[in-house]
Amino acid sequence: MDDQQIGITLRSIRIRQGKTQKDVAAIAHVSRFVVGRIERGRLAAIPLGKVRAVATALDARLDLVTRWRGGDLGRLVNARHSAMHDSAARMFRLLAGWEMEPEVSFSIYGERGVIDILAWHPARRSLLVIELKTELVDLNDLMGSVDRKRRLAGDIARDRGWHPASISTWVAIADGRTNRRAVTAHTATLRTKFPTDGAGVRRWLREPQGRIDGLGFLPYVPGTLTRQDLAPIRRVRRRSRQPNRAQPPTSDGRNGLDLGMRGA
């Protein structure tokens, strides 16, 4: 949908609802001038947030579609997500007592979706819902999605013969500068929802008792994790006791599994 079509669509919805541009502007907390420019398809100079606000004021949702001349964009995005799956799988192969199942689809009471990874520790009866994020886009959507999956995870687990004593969540974010900046910008919100940091997730994975809600970073480049790379979980501990302020740990995945949150 191009800019002109977006404007025509929003204008048609407004007229159908019997609202004036002034009404929509008041609800969206923008000027009437902005509403008029949007309806005329002149979106170039208008922040995306204001366009979304106008759409929301009309009970509409603005979905953006990105097209890339370089090839299949969907395949590119899926490749990054698959690489994160591979990294997580390698990690769990080196953790004692865990079983994991990727891409668990569900349809319960009319609610449908996919859990990226469902991990089960039978000895502790600990169930872990893992949400893999290649990038942070909508925090509200992320938190709502994790809540929903955690709420339904018990039923999903029991269908597999697992009867959890606790259900935990872990948001694993692709490591990189952009995502680290996004996490730092929203540290207060994310830490309220996911209070367990990377170090806490590592400890809990070794001794999974009780419930946690964690968030941390995970390298997603295929082949970056090996048995030797994962061993630095101990080296990270030693480094945290004797920090090298002159040369802080890198976040490019070369130092192994980095589930921490700097600045959080």
Protein backbone atom coordinates (compact mmCIF):
# COMPACT_ATOMS: atom_id res chain seq x y z
CA MET A 1 0.00 0.00 0.00
CA ASP A 2 1.52 3.37 -1.04
CA ASP A 3 1.24 6.70 0.76
CA GLN A 4 -1.70 7.84 -1.35
CA GLN A 5 -3.63 4.65 -0.69
CA ILE A 6 -2.99 4.91 3.06
CA GLY A 7 -4.43 8.42 3.06
CA ILE A 8 -7.50 7.42 1.06
CA THR A 9 -8.12 4.41 3.31
CA LEU A 10 -7.88 6.40 6.56
CA ARG A 11 -10.09 9.14 5.17
CA SER A 12 -12.72 6.59 4.12
CA ILE A 13 -12.72 5.04 7.59
CA ARG A 14 -13.06 8.47 9.22
CA ILE A 15 -16.03 9.39 7.05
CA ARG A 16 -17.65 6.00 7.68
CA GLN A 17 -17.34 6.59 11.43
CA GLY A 18 -18.83 10.05 11.13
CA LYS A 19 -15.79 11.80 12.59
CA THR A 20 -14.23 15.07 11.55
CA GLN A 21 -10.52 15.67 11.10
CA LYS A 22 -10.66 17.70 14.31
CA ASP A 23 -12.15 14.72 16.18
CA VAL A 24 -9.41 12.40 14.95
CA ALA A 25 -6.71 14.94 15.75
CA ALA A 26 -7.93 15.26 19.34
CA ILE A 27 -7.96 11.50 19.88
CA ALA A 28 -4.55 10.99 18.25
CA HIS A 29 -3.00 14.03 20.01
CA VAL A 30 -1.84 15.53 16.74
CA SER A 31 -2.83 18.68 14.87
CA ARG A 32 -5.67 18.82 12.38
CA PHE A 33 -3.06 19.87 9.83
CA VAL A 34 -1.28 16.52 10.29
CA VAL A 35 -4.51 14.57 9.80
CA GLY A 36 -5.18 16.50 6.59
CA ARG A 37 -1.72 15.83 5.19
CA ILE A 38 -2.02 12.12 5.99
CA GLU A 39 -5.36 11.88 4.23
CA ARG A 40 -3.85 13.56 1.16
CA GLY A 41 -1.09 10.97 1.11
CA ARG A 42 1.68 13.40 2.02
CA LEU A 43 3.42 11.17 4.53
CA ALA A 44 7.06 11.89 3.69
CA ALA A 45 7.54 14.63 6.31
CA ILE A 46 5.28 13.11 8.98
CA PRO A 47 6.79 10.87 11.73
CA LEU A 48 5.60 7.28 11.54
CA GLY A 49 4.40 7.48 15.14
CA LYS A 50 1.89 10.19 14.23
CA VAL A 51 0.59 8.21 11.26
CA ARG A 52 0.11 5.19 13.54
CA ALA A 53 -1.63 7.39 16.13
CA VAL A 54 -4.13 8.61 13.54
CA ALA A 55 -4.80 5.04 12.41
CA THR A 56 -5.29 3.93 16.03
CA ALA A 57 -7.73 6.81 16.61
CA LEU A 58 -9.82 5.26 13.84
CA ASP A 59 -9.58 1.75 15.32
CA ALA A 60 -7.34 0.80 12.41
CA ARG A 61 -3.89 -0.75 12.32
CA LEU A 62 -1.10 0.35 10.04
CA ASP A 63 0.98 -2.58 8.80
CA LEU A 64 4.18 -1.73 6.97
CA VAL A 65 5.57 -3.99 4.25
CA THR A 66 9.27 -3.83 3.45
CA ARG A 67 10.47 -4.86 0.00
CA TRP A 68 14.10 -5.38 -0.90
CA ARG A 69 15.65 -5.35 -4.34
CA GLY A 70 18.44 -7.62 -3.11
CA GLY A 71 16.31 -10.75 -3.02
CA ASP A 72 13.90 -12.64 -0.82
CA LEU A 73 13.57 -10.52 2.33
CA GLY A 74 11.46 -13.15 4.10
CA ARG A 75 14.18 -15.73 3.59
CA LEU A 76 16.79 -13.31 4.96
CA VAL A 77 14.78 -12.63 8.12
CA ASN A 78 14.01 -16.32 8.60
CA ALA A 79 17.69 -17.16 8.21
CA ARG A 80 18.58 -14.90 11.14
CA HIS A 81 15.84 -16.46 13.25
CA SER A 82 17.02 -19.96 12.31
CA ALA A 83 20.56 -19.03 13.25
CA MET A 84 19.35 -18.06 16.72
CA HIS A 85 17.60 -21.43 16.98
CA ASP A 86 20.90 -23.11 16.14
CA SER A 87 22.77 -21.12 18.78
CA ALA A 88 20.20 -21.99 21.44
CA ALA A 89 20.23 -25.66 20.44
CA ARG A 90 24.01 -25.82 20.78
CA MET A 91 23.76 -24.26 24.22
CA PHE A 92 21.14 -26.73 25.45
CA ARG A 93 23.16 -29.68 24.22
CA LEU A 94 25.81 -28.70 26.74
CA LEU A 95 23.37 -28.25 29.64
CA ALA A 96 22.62 -31.33 31.72
CA GLY A 97 19.06 -32.55 32.17
CA TRP A 98 17.27 -30.38 29.62
CA GLU A 99 14.98 -31.37 26.77
CA MET A 100 13.94 -28.83 24.17
CA GLU A 101 11.44 -28.64 21.34
CA PRO A 102 11.64 -25.86 18.72
CA GLU A 103 8.74 -24.14 16.95
CA VAL A 104 5.91 -25.44 19.10
CA SER A 105 2.61 -24.41 17.54
CA PHE A 106 -0.57 -24.25 19.60
CA SER A 107 -4.28 -23.64 19.24
CA ILE A 108 -6.00 -23.42 22.63
CA TYR A 109 -9.40 -21.87 23.28
CA GLY A 110 -9.18 -20.03 19.98
CA GLU A 111 -5.71 -18.64 20.73
CA ARG A 112 -3.12 -19.60 18.16
CA GLY A 113 0.59 -19.04 17.87
CA VAL A 114 4.07 -20.53 18.00
CA ILE A 115 6.50 -20.81 20.91
CA ASP A 116 10.02 -20.46 19.53
CA ILE A 117 11.51 -22.97 21.98
CA LEU A 118 9.86 -24.95 24.76
CA ALA A 119 12.44 -26.42 27.17
CA TRP A 120 11.75 -28.98 29.89
CA HIS A 121 13.84 -30.09 32.86
CA PRO A 122 12.13 -33.27 34.11
CA ALA A 123 14.20 -33.65 37.30
CA ARG A 124 13.12 -30.20 38.53
CA ARG A 125 9.82 -30.15 36.64
CA SER A 126 10.82 -26.76 35.30
CA LEU A 127 9.29 -25.53 32.06
CA LEU A 128 10.94 -22.69 30.12
CA VAL A 129 9.27 -20.66 27.37
CA ILE A 130 11.92 -19.06 25.14
CA GLU A 131 11.12 -16.12 22.89
CA LEU A 132 13.79 -15.46 20.25
CA LYS A 133 13.97 -11.88 18.97
CA THR A 134 16.22 -10.86 16.09
CA GLU A 135 15.33 -7.24 16.85
CA LEU A 136 13.27 -5.21 19.30
CA VAL A 137 10.43 -3.41 17.55
CA ASP A 138 7.33 -3.23 19.75
CA LEU A 139 7.90 -3.70 23.48
CA ASN A 140 4.20 -3.85 24.29
CA ASP A 141 3.68 -6.59 21.72
CA LEU A 142 6.69 -8.47 23.07
CA MET A 143 5.50 -8.38 26.67
CA GLY A 144 1.94 -9.30 25.73
CA SER A 145 3.12 -12.19 23.56
CA VAL A 146 5.35 -13.61 26.30
CA ASP A 147 2.54 -13.32 28.87
CA ARG A 148 0.12 -15.15 26.58
CA LYS A 149 2.55 -17.97 25.81
CA ARG A 150 3.44 -18.42 29.46
CA ARG A 151 -0.27 -18.59 30.36
CA LEU A 152 -0.89 -21.32 27.80
CA ALA A 153 2.40 -23.18 28.28
CA GLY A 154 1.04 -25.41 31.05
CA ASP A 155 -1.63 -26.89 28.78
CA ILE A 156 0.89 -27.26 25.96
CA ALA A 157 3.31 -29.08 28.25
CA ARG A 158 0.70 -31.44 29.66
CA ASP A 159 -0.18 -32.52 26.11
CA ARG A 160 3.41 -33.78 25.94
CA GLY A 161 3.23 -35.58 29.26
CA TRP A 162 5.12 -32.84 31.10
CA HIS A 163 3.64 -31.63 34.39
CA PRO A 164 5.54 -28.50 35.39
CA ALA A 165 5.93 -27.27 38.94
CA SER A 166 7.07 -23.89 37.59
CA ILE A 167 6.84 -22.05 34.27
CA SER A 168 9.54 -19.54 33.41
CA THR A 169 10.20 -17.24 30.46
CA TRP A 170 13.36 -16.10 28.75
CA VAL A 171 13.55 -13.47 26.01
CA ALA A 172 16.76 -14.12 24.05
CA ILE A 173 17.70 -11.15 21.88
CA ALA A 174 20.13 -11.28 18.96
CA ASP A 175 23.32 -9.64 20.14
CA GLY A 176 24.37 -6.47 18.35
CA ARG A 177 24.81 -2.75 18.82
CA THR A 178 21.34 -1.78 17.64
CA ASN A 179 19.58 -4.20 19.98
CA ARG A 180 21.82 -3.24 22.90
CA ARG A 181 20.96 0.42 22.36
CA ALA A 182 17.25 -0.45 22.23
CA VAL A 183 17.48 -2.47 25.45
CA THR A 184 19.43 0.29 27.20
CA ALA A 185 16.82 2.85 26.15
CA HIS A 186 14.04 0.77 27.74
CA THR A 187 15.91 -0.77 30.66
CA ALA A 188 13.41 0.32 33.33
CA THR A 189 10.42 -1.21 31.51
CA LEU A 190 12.22 -4.39 30.52
CA ARG A 191 13.71 -4.98 33.96
CA THR A 192 10.29 -4.58 35.58
CA LYS A 193 8.86 -7.25 33.29
CA PHE A 194 11.95 -9.47 33.03
CA PRO A 195 13.91 -8.91 36.26
CA THR A 196 16.43 -11.74 35.79
CA ASP A 197 19.51 -10.60 33.89
CA GLY A 198 21.94 -12.66 31.84
CA ALA A 199 24.03 -13.86 34.78
CA GLY A 200 20.85 -14.93 36.57
CA VAL A 201 19.65 -16.85 33.51
CA ARG A 202 22.97 -18.73 33.32
CA ARG A 203 22.80 -19.71 36.99
CA TRP A 204 19.17 -20.77 36.72
CA LEU A 205 19.78 -22.92 33.64
CA ARG A 206 22.29 -24.95 35.65
CA GLU A 207 20.00 -25.26 38.69
CA PRO A 208 16.44 -24.56 37.50
CA GLN A 209 14.45 -24.11 40.68
CA GLY A 210 11.39 -21.88 40.90
CA ARG A 211 10.20 -19.37 38.35
CA ILE A 212 12.26 -16.72 36.57
CA ASP A 213 11.46 -14.16 33.90
CA GLY A 214 14.68 -13.27 32.15
CA LEU A 215 16.06 -11.29 29.25
CA GLY A 216 19.51 -11.38 27.68
CA PHE A 217 21.55 -11.49 24.48
CA LEU A 218 22.39 -14.44 22.27
CA PRO A 219 24.75 -14.55 19.26
CA TYR A 220 22.89 -15.54 16.10
CA VAL A 221 25.68 -15.99 13.55
CA PRO A 222 25.84 -19.68 12.51
CA GLY A 223 28.94 -21.48 13.65
CA THR A 224 29.99 -18.91 16.27
CA LEU A 225 29.26 -21.21 19.19
CA THR A 226 31.45 -24.23 19.89
CA ARG A 227 32.15 -26.28 23.01
CA GLN A 228 35.19 -24.12 23.64
CA ASP A 229 33.16 -20.94 23.13
CA LEU A 230 30.52 -22.00 25.62
CA ALA A 231 33.13 -22.71 28.29
CA PRO A 232 33.61 -18.95 28.82
CA ILE A 233 30.53 -18.99 31.02
CA ARG A 234 33.16 -19.55 33.72
CA ARG A 235 35.57 -17.00 32.25
CA VAL A 236 32.82 -14.41 32.27
CA ARG A 237 32.42 -15.01 35.99
CA ARG A 238 36.13 -14.51 36.64
CA ARG A 239 36.15 -11.38 34.56
CA SER A 240 33.17 -9.96 36.45
CA ARG A 241 35.07 -10.36 39.74
CA GLN A 242 38.12 -8.59 38.33
CA PRO A 243 36.72 -6.24 35.68
CA ASN A 244 39.09 -4.88 33.06
CA ARG A 245 37.82 -1.34 32.71
CA ALA A 246 40.25 -0.54 29.93
CA GLN A 247 38.92 -3.31 27.68
CA PRO A 248 35.23 -4.08 28.32
CA PRO A 249 33.80 -7.35 27.00
CA THR A 250 32.82 -7.22 23.37
CA SER A 251 29.24 -7.90 22.31
CA ASP A 252 29.93 -9.44 18.92
CA GLY A 253 29.62 -13.03 20.14
CA ARG A 254 33.38 -13.79 20.01
CA ASN A 255 33.53 -14.14 23.78
CA GLY A 256 30.97 -16.94 23.71
CA LEU A 257 27.45 -16.81 25.04
CA ASP A 258 26.60 -13.32 26.28
CA LEU A 259 23.25 -13.23 28.00
CA GLY A 260 23.98 -10.08 29.97
CA MET A 261 22.45 -6.62 29.77
CA ARG A 262 24.92 -3.80 29.98
CA GLY A 263 23.48 -0.71 31.55
CA ALA A 264 20.59 -2.63 33.10
